Amino acid sequence: MADVVDPATRSRMMSGIRGKDTRPELMIRRALHARGFRYRLHCKDLPGKPDLCLPKYRAVIFVHGCFWHGHDCHLFKWPKTRAAFWEAKVRRNREVDKAALTRLTADGWRVATVWECALKGRERLSLEKVVDRCAGWLASEQQNLTIRGT
């Protein structure tokens, strides 16, 4: 199926998508803050620039969009147009994610990943459940946590 908008409009629309302060990220931030957790945002001094950095717990939280990181869930579908470009883009994002996880773990950081599908779509969990799991993980000694839709 051809794109329903012209290339200039599509370019403008895609450039409006941001990597920081996304709706799922803001939901997690607000809920954790309400529970008393304090954090730094988008720590540039750490690999992968985690969305939330909690130095007190030596933990970081990434809130990943399912499309941009190629998650295997119902929210991710390969685009029909420019397939080679998108495959390379998503593959590179996955490689960067893996390298950041490896470096953070080697540096002694605990890493949590909250996928967009945990907060959005037909398989979503309640925000309360997602935040409960994050809070429980922060209080534990568990190294990694991944939260995705059911």
N, C-alpha and C. Protein backbone atom coordinates (compact mmCIF):
# COMPACT_ATOMS: atom_id res chain seq x y z
N MET A 1 0.84 -1.18 0.00
CA MET A 1 0.00 0.00 0.00
C MET A 1 0.89 1.24 0.00
N ALA A 2 0.57 2.18 -0.84
CA ALA A 2 1.34 3.42 -0.93
C ALA A 2 1.03 4.30 0.28
N ASP A 3 1.98 5.16 0.58
CA ASP A 3 1.79 6.10 1.69
C ASP A 3 0.64 7.04 1.36
N VAL A 4 -0.14 7.39 2.37
CA VAL A 4 -1.32 8.22 2.15
C VAL A 4 -0.99 9.71 2.18
N VAL A 5 0.24 10.06 2.52
CA VAL A 5 0.64 11.47 2.51
C VAL A 5 1.87 11.64 1.63
N ASP A 6 2.11 12.85 1.19
CA ASP A 6 3.26 13.10 0.33
C ASP A 6 4.56 13.02 1.15
N PRO A 7 5.70 12.84 0.48
CA PRO A 7 6.98 12.67 1.19
C PRO A 7 7.33 13.83 2.13
N ALA A 8 7.02 15.05 1.76
CA ALA A 8 7.34 16.20 2.62
C ALA A 8 6.53 16.15 3.92
N THR A 9 5.26 15.81 3.81
CA THR A 9 4.41 15.71 5.00
C THR A 9 4.88 14.56 5.89
N ARG A 10 5.21 13.41 5.28
CA ARG A 10 5.69 12.27 6.05
C ARG A 10 6.99 12.64 6.77
N SER A 11 7.88 13.33 6.10
CA SER A 11 9.14 13.74 6.71
C SER A 11 8.89 14.65 7.92
N ARG A 12 7.97 15.59 7.77
CA ARG A 12 7.64 16.49 8.88
C ARG A 12 7.04 15.71 10.04
N MET A 13 6.17 14.76 9.71
CA MET A 13 5.54 13.95 10.77
C MET A 13 6.58 13.11 11.52
N MET A 14 7.48 12.49 10.78
CA MET A 14 8.49 11.63 11.41
C MET A 14 9.49 12.46 12.23
N SER A 15 9.80 13.66 11.78
CA SER A 15 10.75 14.49 12.54
C SER A 15 10.14 15.00 13.84
N GLY A 16 8.82 14.93 13.95
CA GLY A 16 8.15 15.35 15.18
C GLY A 16 8.17 14.29 16.27
N ILE A 17 8.61 13.09 15.93
CA ILE A 17 8.68 12.02 16.92
C ILE A 17 9.96 12.18 17.71
N ARG A 18 9.84 12.23 19.01
CA ARG A 18 10.99 12.48 19.86
C ARG A 18 11.41 11.23 20.61
N GLY A 19 12.67 11.19 20.99
CA GLY A 19 13.20 10.06 21.74
C GLY A 19 13.14 10.28 23.24
N LYS A 20 12.85 11.50 23.65
CA LYS A 20 12.78 11.81 25.07
C LYS A 20 11.38 12.30 25.42
N ASP A 21 11.02 12.15 26.68
CA ASP A 21 9.75 12.64 27.19
C ASP A 21 8.55 12.10 26.42
N THR A 22 8.60 10.82 26.08
CA THR A 22 7.48 10.19 25.41
C THR A 22 6.35 9.95 26.41
N ARG A 23 5.17 9.70 25.94
CA ARG A 23 4.03 9.48 26.83
C ARG A 23 4.27 8.29 27.79
N PRO A 24 4.73 7.13 27.29
CA PRO A 24 4.99 6.02 28.23
C PRO A 24 6.06 6.39 29.28
N GLU A 25 7.09 7.08 28.84
CA GLU A 25 8.15 7.50 29.77
C GLU A 25 7.60 8.43 30.85
N LEU A 26 6.79 9.38 30.44
CA LEU A 26 6.21 10.32 31.42
C LEU A 26 5.30 9.61 32.41
N MET A 27 4.56 8.60 31.94
CA MET A 27 3.69 7.84 32.84
C MET A 27 4.52 7.15 33.93
N ILE A 28 5.60 6.50 33.52
CA ILE A 28 6.47 5.81 34.48
C ILE A 28 7.12 6.81 35.43
N ARG A 29 7.62 7.90 34.89
CA ARG A 29 8.28 8.91 35.73
C ARG A 29 7.35 9.45 36.80
N ARG A 30 6.16 9.84 36.40
CA ARG A 30 5.20 10.41 37.36
C ARG A 30 4.83 9.41 38.45
N ALA A 31 4.59 8.17 38.04
CA ALA A 31 4.18 7.16 39.01
C ALA A 31 5.31 6.82 39.99
N LEU A 32 6.54 6.70 39.50
CA LEU A 32 7.65 6.42 40.41
C LEU A 32 7.91 7.61 41.34
N HIS A 33 7.81 8.81 40.81
CA HIS A 33 8.02 10.01 41.64
C HIS A 33 6.96 10.08 42.73
N ALA A 34 5.72 9.75 42.40
CA ALA A 34 4.64 9.77 43.39
C ALA A 34 4.89 8.75 44.51
N ARG A 35 5.64 7.70 44.21
CA ARG A 35 5.97 6.70 45.23
C ARG A 35 7.25 7.04 45.99
N GLY A 36 7.83 8.19 45.70
CA GLY A 36 8.99 8.63 46.47
C GLY A 36 10.33 8.34 45.84
N PHE A 37 10.35 7.77 44.65
CA PHE A 37 11.62 7.51 43.99
C PHE A 37 12.12 8.79 43.33
N ARG A 38 13.41 9.06 43.49
CA ARG A 38 14.02 10.23 42.86
C ARG A 38 15.06 9.74 41.87
N TYR A 39 15.15 10.44 40.77
CA TYR A 39 15.97 9.96 39.67
C TYR A 39 16.52 11.13 38.87
N ARG A 40 17.49 10.82 38.01
CA ARG A 40 18.00 11.77 37.03
C ARG A 40 17.46 11.33 35.67
N LEU A 41 17.33 12.29 34.78
CA LEU A 41 16.77 12.01 33.45
C LEU A 41 17.85 11.96 32.39
N HIS A 42 17.74 11.01 31.49
CA HIS A 42 18.56 10.93 30.28
C HIS A 42 20.04 11.17 30.57
N CYS A 43 20.60 10.35 31.41
CA CYS A 43 21.98 10.50 31.88
C CYS A 43 22.96 10.36 30.72
N LYS A 44 23.52 11.46 30.31
CA LYS A 44 24.41 11.47 29.15
C LYS A 44 25.74 10.80 29.43
N ASP A 45 26.09 10.66 30.71
CA ASP A 45 27.37 10.05 31.05
C ASP A 45 27.30 8.52 31.13
N LEU A 46 26.13 7.95 30.89
CA LEU A 46 25.98 6.50 30.91
C LEU A 46 25.70 5.96 29.51
N PRO A 47 26.15 4.75 29.22
CA PRO A 47 25.89 4.16 27.90
C PRO A 47 24.40 4.06 27.62
N GLY A 48 23.99 4.45 26.43
CA GLY A 48 22.60 4.36 26.02
C GLY A 48 21.71 5.48 26.52
N LYS A 49 22.25 6.42 27.30
CA LYS A 49 21.48 7.53 27.87
C LYS A 49 20.14 7.04 28.43
N PRO A 50 20.18 6.29 29.53
CA PRO A 50 18.94 5.73 30.09
C PRO A 50 17.90 6.81 30.36
N ASP A 51 16.62 6.46 30.21
CA ASP A 51 15.54 7.40 30.44
C ASP A 51 15.49 7.83 31.90
N LEU A 52 15.71 6.89 32.80
CA LEU A 52 15.73 7.18 34.24
C LEU A 52 16.98 6.56 34.84
N CYS A 53 17.65 7.32 35.68
CA CYS A 53 18.83 6.83 36.36
C CYS A 53 18.60 7.03 37.86
N LEU A 54 18.70 5.96 38.60
CA LEU A 54 18.49 6.01 40.05
C LEU A 54 19.80 5.62 40.74
N PRO A 55 20.71 6.58 40.94
CA PRO A 55 22.03 6.27 41.50
C PRO A 55 21.96 5.61 42.88
N LYS A 56 21.00 5.98 43.69
CA LYS A 56 20.85 5.40 45.03
C LYS A 56 20.71 3.88 44.96
N TYR A 57 20.07 3.38 43.90
CA TYR A 57 19.83 1.96 43.72
C TYR A 57 20.80 1.34 42.71
N ARG A 58 21.69 2.16 42.18
CA ARG A 58 22.61 1.76 41.12
C ARG A 58 21.83 1.08 40.00
N ALA A 59 20.74 1.75 39.59
CA ALA A 59 19.81 1.17 38.62
C ALA A 59 19.43 2.20 37.56
N VAL A 60 19.14 1.70 36.37
CA VAL A 60 18.65 2.54 35.28
C VAL A 60 17.40 1.89 34.69
N ILE A 61 16.54 2.73 34.13
CA ILE A 61 15.32 2.24 33.48
C ILE A 61 15.24 2.82 32.08
N PHE A 62 15.08 1.94 31.12
CA PHE A 62 14.83 2.34 29.74
C PHE A 62 13.34 2.12 29.47
N VAL A 63 12.70 3.09 28.82
CA VAL A 63 11.32 2.92 28.37
C VAL A 63 11.39 2.92 26.84
N HIS A 64 11.27 1.71 26.27
CA HIS A 64 11.47 1.53 24.83
C HIS A 64 10.15 1.53 24.07
N GLY A 65 10.15 2.23 22.94
CA GLY A 65 9.03 2.17 22.00
C GLY A 65 9.15 0.89 21.19
N CYS A 66 8.07 0.16 21.07
CA CYS A 66 8.10 -1.14 20.39
C CYS A 66 8.49 -1.01 18.92
N PHE A 67 8.05 0.04 18.24
CA PHE A 67 8.41 0.18 16.83
C PHE A 67 9.90 0.47 16.67
N TRP A 68 10.40 1.45 17.37
CA TRP A 68 11.78 1.90 17.17
C TRP A 68 12.82 0.89 17.59
N HIS A 69 12.45 -0.02 18.49
CA HIS A 69 13.41 -1.01 18.97
C HIS A 69 13.07 -2.42 18.49
N GLY A 70 12.10 -2.53 17.58
CA GLY A 70 11.79 -3.80 16.94
C GLY A 70 11.33 -4.89 17.90
N HIS A 71 10.45 -4.53 18.81
CA HIS A 71 9.97 -5.50 19.79
C HIS A 71 9.03 -6.50 19.13
N ASP A 72 9.09 -7.74 19.57
CA ASP A 72 8.25 -8.79 18.98
C ASP A 72 6.88 -8.83 19.65
N CYS A 73 6.09 -7.80 19.41
CA CYS A 73 4.74 -7.72 19.99
C CYS A 73 3.77 -7.21 18.92
N HIS A 74 2.52 -7.09 19.30
CA HIS A 74 1.48 -6.68 18.35
C HIS A 74 1.63 -5.22 17.90
N LEU A 75 2.39 -4.41 18.61
CA LEU A 75 2.55 -3.01 18.21
C LEU A 75 3.60 -2.82 17.12
N PHE A 76 4.43 -3.83 16.89
CA PHE A 76 5.50 -3.70 15.89
C PHE A 76 5.12 -4.39 14.60
N LYS A 77 5.16 -3.63 13.52
CA LYS A 77 4.96 -4.17 12.17
C LYS A 77 6.01 -3.54 11.27
N TRP A 78 6.61 -4.35 10.44
CA TRP A 78 7.59 -3.82 9.50
C TRP A 78 6.90 -2.93 8.48
N PRO A 79 7.43 -1.73 8.23
CA PRO A 79 6.86 -0.86 7.20
C PRO A 79 6.99 -1.50 5.82
N LYS A 80 6.01 -1.27 4.98
CA LYS A 80 6.02 -1.83 3.63
C LYS A 80 6.92 -1.01 2.69
N THR A 81 7.02 0.30 2.94
CA THR A 81 7.85 1.14 2.09
C THR A 81 9.24 1.29 2.70
N ARG A 82 10.24 1.40 1.85
CA ARG A 82 11.63 1.56 2.26
C ARG A 82 12.05 0.48 3.26
N ALA A 83 11.71 -0.74 2.95
CA ALA A 83 11.95 -1.86 3.86
C ALA A 83 13.42 -1.99 4.26
N ALA A 84 14.32 -1.84 3.31
CA ALA A 84 15.76 -1.98 3.63
C ALA A 84 16.21 -0.92 4.63
N PHE A 85 15.73 0.31 4.46
CA PHE A 85 16.07 1.39 5.38
C PHE A 85 15.61 1.06 6.79
N TRP A 86 14.35 0.62 6.92
CA TRP A 86 13.79 0.35 8.24
C TRP A 86 14.43 -0.86 8.90
N GLU A 87 14.76 -1.88 8.11
CA GLU A 87 15.43 -3.04 8.68
C GLU A 87 16.80 -2.65 9.23
N ALA A 88 17.53 -1.83 8.50
CA ALA A 88 18.84 -1.38 8.97
C ALA A 88 18.70 -0.49 10.21
N LYS A 89 17.71 0.38 10.20
CA LYS A 89 17.48 1.29 11.32
C LYS A 89 17.16 0.52 12.60
N VAL A 90 16.22 -0.41 12.51
CA VAL A 90 15.81 -1.18 13.69
C VAL A 90 16.95 -2.10 14.14
N ARG A 91 17.66 -2.71 13.19
CA ARG A 91 18.80 -3.57 13.54
C ARG A 91 19.85 -2.77 14.30
N ARG A 92 20.14 -1.57 13.82
CA ARG A 92 21.13 -0.71 14.49
C ARG A 92 20.66 -0.33 15.89
N ASN A 93 19.39 0.01 16.04
CA ASN A 93 18.85 0.34 17.37
C ASN A 93 19.01 -0.84 18.33
N ARG A 94 18.75 -2.03 17.84
CA ARG A 94 18.89 -3.23 18.67
C ARG A 94 20.35 -3.44 19.08
N GLU A 95 21.27 -3.21 18.14
CA GLU A 95 22.70 -3.35 18.44
C GLU A 95 23.14 -2.35 19.50
N VAL A 96 22.70 -1.12 19.37
CA VAL A 96 23.03 -0.07 20.35
C VAL A 96 22.46 -0.44 21.72
N ASP A 97 21.23 -0.94 21.75
CA ASP A 97 20.60 -1.36 23.02
C ASP A 97 21.42 -2.46 23.68
N LYS A 98 21.81 -3.45 22.90
CA LYS A 98 22.56 -4.58 23.44
C LYS A 98 23.92 -4.13 23.97
N ALA A 99 24.60 -3.26 23.23
CA ALA A 99 25.90 -2.76 23.67
C ALA A 99 25.76 -1.94 24.96
N ALA A 100 24.73 -1.11 25.04
CA ALA A 100 24.51 -0.31 26.24
C ALA A 100 24.23 -1.20 27.44
N LEU A 101 23.40 -2.24 27.26
CA LEU A 101 23.09 -3.18 28.34
C LEU A 101 24.36 -3.87 28.83
N THR A 102 25.19 -4.30 27.90
CA THR A 102 26.44 -4.97 28.25
C THR A 102 27.36 -4.05 29.04
N ARG A 103 27.53 -2.83 28.56
CA ARG A 103 28.42 -1.88 29.24
C ARG A 103 27.89 -1.48 30.61
N LEU A 104 26.58 -1.23 30.71
CA LEU A 104 26.00 -0.86 32.00
C LEU A 104 26.16 -1.99 33.02
N THR A 105 25.89 -3.20 32.59
CA THR A 105 26.02 -4.35 33.48
C THR A 105 27.48 -4.52 33.92
N ALA A 106 28.41 -4.37 32.98
CA ALA A 106 29.83 -4.48 33.31
C ALA A 106 30.27 -3.40 34.30
N ASP A 107 29.63 -2.24 34.23
CA ASP A 107 29.96 -1.14 35.14
C ASP A 107 29.22 -1.24 36.48
N GLY A 108 28.45 -2.31 36.66
CA GLY A 108 27.78 -2.53 37.93
C GLY A 108 26.39 -1.93 38.06
N TRP A 109 25.81 -1.51 36.95
CA TRP A 109 24.45 -0.95 36.98
C TRP A 109 23.44 -2.06 36.78
N ARG A 110 22.30 -1.94 37.43
CA ARG A 110 21.17 -2.83 37.23
C ARG A 110 20.29 -2.18 36.16
N VAL A 111 19.72 -2.97 35.27
CA VAL A 111 19.02 -2.42 34.11
C VAL A 111 17.60 -2.98 34.00
N ALA A 112 16.64 -2.07 33.88
CA ALA A 112 15.24 -2.45 33.64
C ALA A 112 14.82 -1.88 32.29
N THR A 113 14.03 -2.65 31.57
CA THR A 113 13.47 -2.20 30.31
C THR A 113 11.95 -2.33 30.39
N VAL A 114 11.27 -1.22 30.20
CA VAL A 114 9.81 -1.22 30.15
C VAL A 114 9.43 -0.98 28.69
N TRP A 115 8.75 -1.94 28.10
CA TRP A 115 8.34 -1.82 26.71
C TRP A 115 7.01 -1.07 26.61
N GLU A 116 6.87 -0.35 25.52
CA GLU A 116 5.65 0.44 25.26
C GLU A 116 4.40 -0.43 25.34
N CYS A 117 4.48 -1.69 24.90
CA CYS A 117 3.30 -2.56 24.90
C CYS A 117 2.82 -2.90 26.30
N ALA A 118 3.66 -2.66 27.32
CA ALA A 118 3.22 -2.87 28.70
C ALA A 118 2.24 -1.79 29.13
N LEU A 119 2.26 -0.65 28.44
CA LEU A 119 1.44 0.50 28.82
C LEU A 119 0.41 0.89 27.78
N LYS A 120 0.47 0.25 26.61
CA LYS A 120 -0.37 0.68 25.49
C LYS A 120 -0.78 -0.54 24.68
N GLY A 121 -1.95 -0.48 24.07
CA GLY A 121 -2.38 -1.55 23.19
C GLY A 121 -3.24 -2.58 23.89
N ARG A 122 -3.64 -3.59 23.14
CA ARG A 122 -4.60 -4.57 23.67
C ARG A 122 -3.99 -5.49 24.72
N GLU A 123 -2.67 -5.61 24.79
CA GLU A 123 -2.02 -6.49 25.75
C GLU A 123 -1.42 -5.74 26.94
N ARG A 124 -1.82 -4.49 27.11
CA ARG A 124 -1.22 -3.66 28.16
C ARG A 124 -1.56 -4.15 29.56
N LEU A 125 -0.69 -3.78 30.47
CA LEU A 125 -0.89 -4.04 31.88
C LEU A 125 -1.38 -2.73 32.50
N SER A 126 -1.89 -2.79 33.70
CA SER A 126 -2.27 -1.55 34.37
C SER A 126 -1.00 -0.81 34.76
N LEU A 127 -1.06 0.51 34.76
CA LEU A 127 0.10 1.30 35.16
C LEU A 127 0.52 0.92 36.57
N GLU A 128 -0.44 0.67 37.43
CA GLU A 128 -0.15 0.28 38.82
C GLU A 128 0.70 -0.99 38.87
N LYS A 129 0.35 -1.97 38.03
CA LYS A 129 1.09 -3.23 38.00
C LYS A 129 2.52 -3.02 37.50
N VAL A 130 2.66 -2.20 36.46
CA VAL A 130 3.99 -1.92 35.91
C VAL A 130 4.86 -1.23 36.96
N VAL A 131 4.30 -0.24 37.62
CA VAL A 131 5.06 0.51 38.63
C VAL A 131 5.36 -0.37 39.84
N ASP A 132 4.43 -1.24 40.22
CA ASP A 132 4.68 -2.18 41.31
C ASP A 132 5.89 -3.06 41.00
N ARG A 133 5.94 -3.54 39.77
CA ARG A 133 7.08 -4.39 39.37
C ARG A 133 8.38 -3.61 39.37
N CYS A 134 8.35 -2.36 38.90
CA CYS A 134 9.55 -1.52 38.92
C CYS A 134 10.00 -1.26 40.36
N ALA A 135 9.07 -0.90 41.21
CA ALA A 135 9.39 -0.60 42.61
C ALA A 135 9.93 -1.84 43.32
N GLY A 136 9.31 -2.99 43.07
CA GLY A 136 9.79 -4.24 43.66
C GLY A 136 11.20 -4.57 43.19
N TRP A 137 11.45 -4.35 41.92
CA TRP A 137 12.78 -4.61 41.36
C TRP A 137 13.81 -3.67 41.98
N LEU A 138 13.46 -2.40 42.12
CA LEU A 138 14.40 -1.44 42.71
C LEU A 138 14.77 -1.83 44.13
N ALA A 139 13.82 -2.36 44.88
CA ALA A 139 14.06 -2.75 46.27
C ALA A 139 14.82 -4.08 46.38
N SER A 140 14.87 -4.83 45.28
CA SER A 140 15.53 -6.14 45.30
C SER A 140 16.99 -6.01 44.88
N GLU A 141 17.64 -7.14 44.80
CA GLU A 141 19.02 -7.21 44.32
C GLU A 141 19.08 -7.76 42.89
N GLN A 142 17.90 -7.98 42.30
CA GLN A 142 17.82 -8.56 40.95
C GLN A 142 18.54 -7.66 39.95
N GLN A 143 19.34 -8.28 39.06
CA GLN A 143 20.16 -7.52 38.11
C GLN A 143 19.34 -6.87 36.99
N ASN A 144 18.47 -7.65 36.35
CA ASN A 144 17.73 -7.15 35.19
C ASN A 144 16.23 -7.35 35.35
N LEU A 145 15.48 -6.50 34.66
CA LEU A 145 14.02 -6.60 34.65
C LEU A 145 13.53 -6.20 33.27
N THR A 146 12.60 -6.97 32.74
CA THR A 146 11.95 -6.62 31.49
C THR A 146 10.45 -6.70 31.72
N ILE A 147 9.77 -5.61 31.37
CA ILE A 147 8.31 -5.59 31.49
C ILE A 147 7.72 -5.36 30.11
N ARG A 148 6.87 -6.28 29.70
CA ARG A 148 6.21 -6.19 28.40
C ARG A 148 4.74 -6.51 28.58
N GLY A 149 3.94 -6.26 27.55
CA GLY A 149 2.53 -6.59 27.60
C GLY A 149 2.33 -8.09 27.79
N THR A 150 1.13 -8.46 28.15
CA THR A 150 0.85 -9.88 28.43
C THR A 150 0.95 -10.74 27.20
